[in-house]
Protein backbone atom coordinates (compact mmCIF):
# COMPACT_ATOMS: atom_id res chain seq x y z
CA MET A 1 -0.04 -0.11 -0.03
CA LYS A 2 1.20 3.86 -0.59
CA LEU A 3 0.21 6.02 2.06
CA LEU A 4 0.77 10.15 1.74
CA SER A 5 0.16 13.71 3.27
CA PHE A 6 -1.53 16.09 1.27
CA ALA A 7 -3.36 19.21 1.50
CA MET A 8 -6.56 20.35 -0.52
CA ASP A 9 -8.75 23.04 -0.47
CA GLY A 10 -6.95 24.63 3.06
CA ARG A 11 -6.75 21.30 4.78
CA GLU A 12 -3.72 18.96 5.70
CA SER A 13 -4.67 15.40 5.43
CA TRP A 14 -3.47 11.58 4.75
CA GLY A 15 -4.73 8.46 2.73
CA ALA A 16 -3.83 5.73 0.15
CA VAL A 17 -3.41 5.80 -3.11
CA VAL A 18 -6.11 4.01 -5.05
CA GLY A 19 -5.19 4.03 -8.76
CA ASP A 20 -5.10 8.01 -9.74
CA ARG A 21 -6.44 9.19 -6.86
CA VAL A 22 -6.33 9.27 -2.89
CA ALA A 23 -8.72 8.02 -0.06
CA ASP A 24 -8.75 10.67 2.36
CA LEU A 25 -8.67 8.24 5.61
CA GLY A 26 -7.49 11.31 7.19
CA ARG A 27 -11.43 12.07 6.93
CA ALA A 28 -12.48 8.30 7.85
CA LEU A 29 -10.35 8.31 10.80
CA PRO A 30 -10.48 11.70 12.33
CA GLN A 31 -8.74 10.07 15.92
CA TYR A 32 -5.76 9.89 14.01
CA PRO A 33 -5.37 13.55 12.89
CA SER A 34 -1.79 12.61 10.75
CA LEU A 35 -0.11 9.67 8.84
CA ALA A 36 2.32 8.98 11.89
CA ASP A 37 -0.30 8.48 14.45
CA PHE A 38 -2.22 6.16 12.00
CA VAL A 39 1.31 4.01 11.43
CA GLY A 40 1.99 4.29 15.32
CA SER A 41 -1.42 2.52 16.03
CA ALA A 42 -2.88 -0.85 16.00
CA ASP A 43 -5.55 -0.11 12.81
CA PHE A 44 -2.03 0.25 10.90
CA ALA A 45 -2.26 -3.84 10.72
CA ARG A 46 -5.98 -3.28 9.01
CA ARG A 47 -4.72 -0.78 6.85
CA ASP A 48 -5.85 -2.93 3.49
CA ALA A 49 -9.59 -3.29 4.87
CA LEU A 50 -9.75 -0.14 6.08
CA ALA A 51 -8.56 1.62 2.47
CA ALA A 52 -10.91 -0.78 0.66
CA GLY A 53 -13.95 0.90 2.50
CA GLU A 54 -13.71 4.32 1.80
CA LYS A 55 -14.91 5.59 -0.82
CA PRO A 56 -11.59 6.86 -3.45
CA GLY A 57 -11.53 10.97 -3.58
CA PRO A 58 -9.67 13.49 -5.32
CA LYS A 59 -7.35 12.64 -8.14
CA LEU A 60 -3.35 12.62 -7.18
CA ALA A 61 -3.12 15.40 -10.22
CA ASP A 62 -5.63 17.27 -8.05
CA ILE A 63 -3.85 17.51 -4.39
CA THR A 64 -1.21 19.43 -3.13
CA PHE A 65 1.65 16.87 -1.57
CA LEU A 66 3.16 17.18 1.75
CA PRO A 67 6.34 15.29 2.99
CA VAL A 68 4.75 12.37 3.78
CA ILE A 69 5.63 12.80 7.29
CA PRO A 70 5.21 16.65 7.56
CA ARG A 71 6.42 17.16 11.26
CA PRO A 72 8.16 13.74 12.06
CA GLU A 73 9.85 14.14 15.98
CA LYS A 74 13.03 13.54 14.43
CA ILE A 75 14.94 12.71 10.54
CA ILE A 76 18.22 10.93 11.47
CA CYS A 77 20.55 10.88 8.54
CA ALA A 78 23.34 8.72 7.87
CA VAL A 79 26.67 9.83 6.94
CA ARG A 80 28.71 8.62 4.05
CA ASN A 81 27.26 5.38 4.18
CA TYR A 82 27.28 3.63 0.45
CA LEU A 83 30.74 2.23 -0.33
CA ASP A 84 30.62 3.55 -3.67
CA HIS A 85 30.12 7.01 -2.10
CA HIS A 86 32.90 6.55 0.61
CA ASN A 87 35.18 5.72 -1.74
CA GLU A 88 34.66 8.49 -4.51
CA ALA A 89 35.06 10.68 -1.29
CA VAL A 90 38.56 9.45 -0.33
CA ALA A 91 39.22 9.58 -4.43
CA PHE A 92 38.42 13.10 -4.18
CA GLY A 93 41.02 13.82 -1.37
CA MET A 94 38.63 13.42 1.78
CA LYS A 95 40.28 12.23 4.85
CA ARG A 96 37.73 9.53 5.54
CA GLU A 97 37.33 5.68 6.89
CA ILE A 98 34.90 3.34 7.78
CA THR A 99 34.04 3.32 11.02
CA GLU A 100 32.80 1.21 13.99
CA PHE A 101 29.60 2.80 14.26
CA PRO A 102 27.44 4.68 12.07
CA PRO A 103 27.66 8.33 11.93
CA ILE A 104 24.60 10.26 11.61
CA PHE A 105 23.32 14.16 12.22
CA LEU A 106 19.82 15.45 12.46
CA ARG A 107 17.30 17.23 9.96
CA VAL A 108 14.77 19.69 11.57
CA TRP A 109 11.43 19.09 9.79
CA ARG A 110 10.84 22.41 9.00
CA SER A 111 13.64 22.18 5.98
CA GLN A 112 11.89 19.41 4.05
CA VAL A 113 9.63 19.66 1.30
CA ALA A 114 6.95 17.91 -0.63
CA HIS A 115 6.92 15.80 -4.15
CA ASN A 116 6.83 18.82 -6.94
CA ALA A 117 7.74 21.38 -4.67
CA PRO A 118 10.61 23.59 -4.88
CA VAL A 119 14.21 22.97 -3.21
CA VAL A 120 15.46 26.13 -2.64
CA ARG A 121 19.04 27.31 -3.08
CA PRO A 122 19.63 29.79 -0.32
CA LYS A 123 20.99 33.53 -1.08
CA VAL A 124 24.39 32.55 1.04
CA SER A 125 25.53 29.98 -1.45
CA ASP A 126 25.42 28.19 -5.30
CA ASN A 127 27.38 24.84 -3.99
CA LEU A 128 23.68 22.93 -3.53
CA ASP A 129 24.17 19.35 -4.02
CA TRP A 130 22.16 16.58 -4.65
CA GLU A 131 21.94 13.40 -2.32
CA GLY A 132 19.16 10.15 -3.24
CA GLU A 133 18.64 8.28 -0.43
CA LEU A 134 16.06 5.34 0.65
CA ALA A 135 14.04 6.40 3.66
CA VAL A 136 13.05 4.62 6.64
CA VAL A 137 9.29 5.69 8.30
CA ILE A 138 9.23 3.85 12.07
CA GLY A 139 6.38 2.71 12.79
CA LYS A 140 6.58 0.73 15.69
CA GLY A 141 8.45 3.14 18.26
CA GLY A 142 11.18 1.26 21.10
CA ARG A 143 14.37 1.71 22.71
CA HIS A 144 17.50 -0.77 22.60
CA ILE A 145 16.07 -2.30 19.50
CA PRO A 146 18.07 -5.51 18.67
CA GLU A 147 19.10 -6.07 14.56
CA ALA A 148 16.90 -9.25 14.18
CA ALA A 149 13.49 -7.39 15.32
CA ALA A 150 14.38 -3.88 13.49
CA PHE A 151 12.16 -4.97 10.72
CA ASP A 152 9.59 -5.19 12.81
CA HIS A 153 9.38 -1.70 13.68
CA VAL A 154 9.50 -0.13 10.04
CA ALA A 155 5.61 0.96 8.85
CA GLY A 156 7.50 1.38 5.46
CA TYR A 157 9.84 2.85 2.62
CA SER A 158 9.94 6.44 0.82
CA ILE A 159 12.61 8.42 -0.85
CA TYR A 160 14.59 10.73 0.32
CA ASN A 161 17.21 13.41 -1.35
CA ASP A 162 19.32 15.33 1.84
CA VAL A 163 20.08 18.31 -0.57
CA SER A 164 23.58 19.78 1.28
CA VAL A 165 24.47 23.33 0.90
CA ARG A 166 28.23 21.70 0.74
CA ASP A 167 30.67 25.27 1.22
CA TRP A 168 27.82 25.81 4.58
CA GLN A 169 28.90 21.89 5.76
CA ARG A 170 32.37 22.11 5.84
CA HIS A 171 32.60 25.11 8.55
CA ALA A 172 33.07 23.07 10.71
CA GLN A 173 33.42 19.31 11.94
CA GLN A 174 30.00 19.09 12.49
CA ILE A 175 27.73 18.67 9.23
CA ALA A 176 24.86 19.94 10.26
CA SER A 177 25.01 23.74 9.32
CA GLY A 178 25.05 22.51 5.50
CA LYS A 179 21.65 19.99 5.89
CA ASN A 180 19.07 21.82 7.27
CA PHE A 181 18.48 25.10 4.90
CA VAL A 182 15.18 25.55 4.26
CA GLY A 183 13.60 24.13 1.11
CA THR A 184 16.07 21.35 0.50
CA GLY A 185 14.72 17.76 2.00
CA PRO A 186 12.57 16.56 -0.08
CA PHE A 187 10.70 13.84 1.33
CA GLY A 188 7.90 11.71 -0.87
CA PRO A 189 5.88 11.17 -2.81
CA TRP A 190 4.50 8.90 -0.80
CA LEU A 191 5.60 5.91 1.59
CA VAL A 192 5.37 2.06 0.45
CA THR A 193 4.28 -0.29 3.11
CA PRO A 194 6.83 -3.42 3.35
CA ASP A 195 4.64 -5.83 1.93
CA GLU A 196 5.36 -3.79 -1.39
CA ILE A 197 8.61 -3.19 -1.37
CA GLY A 198 10.13 -6.99 -1.24
CA ASP A 199 13.94 -7.02 -0.02
CA PRO A 200 15.07 -3.54 1.12
CA THR A 201 18.43 -4.28 0.75
CA LYS A 202 18.33 -4.62 -3.16
CA LEU A 203 16.29 -1.62 -4.27
CA ARG A 204 18.14 0.21 -7.21
CA LEU A 205 18.19 4.06 -6.82
CA GLU A 206 19.06 6.73 -9.42
CA THR A 207 19.03 9.93 -9.10
CA ARG A 208 18.55 12.14 -12.21
CA VAL A 209 19.25 16.14 -13.19
CA ASN A 210 17.57 17.76 -15.99
CA GLY A 211 17.36 13.85 -17.20
CA LYS A 212 20.90 12.84 -17.00
CA VAL A 213 21.55 10.12 -14.75
CA GLU A 214 24.08 11.21 -11.99
CA GLN A 215 23.61 8.20 -9.15
CA LYS A 216 23.08 5.14 -9.98
CA SER A 217 23.47 2.11 -7.27
CA ASP A 218 21.06 -0.24 -5.13
CA THR A 219 21.04 -0.65 -1.26
CA SER A 220 23.20 -3.65 -1.13
CA MET A 221 26.27 -1.43 -1.26
CA LEU A 222 24.82 -0.04 2.13
CA ILE A 223 27.32 -0.15 4.59
CA PHE A 224 25.25 -0.43 8.39
CA SER A 225 22.63 -2.07 6.80
CA ILE A 226 18.87 -0.72 8.35
CA PRO A 227 18.42 -3.33 11.48
CA ARG A 228 21.84 -2.15 12.70
CA LEU A 229 20.96 1.77 11.85
CA ILE A 230 17.65 1.62 13.66
CA ASN A 231 19.67 -0.82 16.32
CA TYR A 232 22.28 2.04 16.91
CA CYS A 233 19.64 5.46 16.90
CA SER A 234 17.07 3.17 19.41
CA THR A 235 20.10 3.00 21.53
CA ILE A 236 20.46 6.67 21.53
CA PHE A 237 16.70 8.03 20.85
CA ASP A 238 13.40 6.68 21.83
CA LEU A 239 12.58 5.89 18.72
CA VAL A 240 8.43 6.78 18.15
CA PRO A 241 5.82 6.23 14.91
CA GLY A 242 6.65 9.13 12.09
CA ASP A 243 10.86 9.15 13.07
CA VAL A 244 12.57 9.35 9.80
CA ILE A 245 16.36 7.50 8.89
CA ALA A 246 17.64 8.84 5.55
CA THR A 247 20.01 6.30 4.86
CA GLY A 248 22.73 7.76 3.08
CA THR A 249 23.67 8.60 -0.53
CA PRO A 250 25.97 6.60 -3.03
CA ALA A 251 27.98 7.60 -5.52
CA GLY A 252 27.68 10.34 -8.25
CA VAL A 253 27.32 13.58 -6.02
CA GLY A 254 27.97 16.72 -7.57
CA PHE A 255 31.15 17.73 -5.06
CA THR A 256 33.35 15.60 -6.31
CA ARG A 257 33.16 15.78 -9.64
CA LYS A 258 35.64 18.17 -11.49
CA PRO A 259 35.11 20.65 -11.78
CA PRO A 260 32.41 20.79 -9.23
CA GLU A 261 28.81 20.45 -10.37
CA PHE A 262 25.97 21.72 -8.62
CA LEU A 263 22.43 22.40 -8.71
CA LYS A 264 20.94 25.79 -10.26
CA PRO A 265 17.68 27.61 -10.36
CA GLY A 266 15.78 26.11 -13.17
CA ASP A 267 17.05 22.76 -13.06
CA VAL A 268 14.62 19.61 -12.25
CA VAL A 269 15.86 16.89 -9.37
CA GLU A 270 14.33 13.06 -9.51
CA VAL A 271 14.99 10.61 -7.50
CA GLU A 272 14.06 7.00 -8.72
CA ILE A 273 14.49 3.52 -6.07
CA GLU A 274 12.67 0.89 -7.12
CA ASN A 275 8.98 -0.83 -5.97
CA ILE A 276 8.79 3.15 -4.77
CA GLY A 277 8.57 5.57 -6.93
CA VAL A 278 10.10 8.95 -7.92
CA LEU A 279 10.81 12.09 -6.71
CA ARG A 280 10.33 15.19 -8.36
CA ASN A 281 12.00 18.49 -7.15
CA PRO A 282 12.54 21.87 -8.94
CA VAL A 283 15.32 24.06 -8.15
CA VAL A 284 14.65 27.75 -7.45
CA ASP A 285 16.85 30.75 -6.14
CA GLU A 286 15.67 32.21 -2.18
């Protein structure tokens, strides 16, 4: 099942994708004000029956997409978590080693934008770079989650584009300043439940800029697996329903090119992940 958050006629809601339409489950199930509330509920196990009992509503073409989880408590992002990206960073001249523990940082929800919404190049930089990523959405919260049980805590998978302001990212050893600009976190278009994903460790990922393929890899290249990331993050945080883990980006980012290539106004970025779909965003200036 595909689940999404959307806005229409000045109202935010969430629902299930049914063909080219949306079943407005937010209206049908007012006890769950958001998709995050629903994925953490006992009714999430009944999602197919609930969606089947709701008449499809507006067309996808007529809604305004919202980030899949518009206001997650936490967006946890893995750093250099693809072996091919690690190798390209080292070849570029960065002194990096594969660490014992997953390097992570936090992104704030106000930096997020939805499918079809513009990515904003900030007025203080022209070093805007793409990073297509598989996103994991937590359904069942917990602490100290063992790796063997980690997939039981996953509500579904989506696409993240961890767009980075590279020069600001390098202001200090902590990279979060270049990862949290307003309008730089595309997340969408929807969440796909695990039963429709297949094996999440073998999903093809491709990032295109103006139709040109810039990144092409698959999730078998992850250094730290999804269960390891969930285990590690849940050791630090109380994971709660709706939390997002962006699992890292593969090789093919712009800053490692010679000369570097960065996003500019008028560009269109698409991230496609097998069995999920395409996250599309135009680029504009602040």
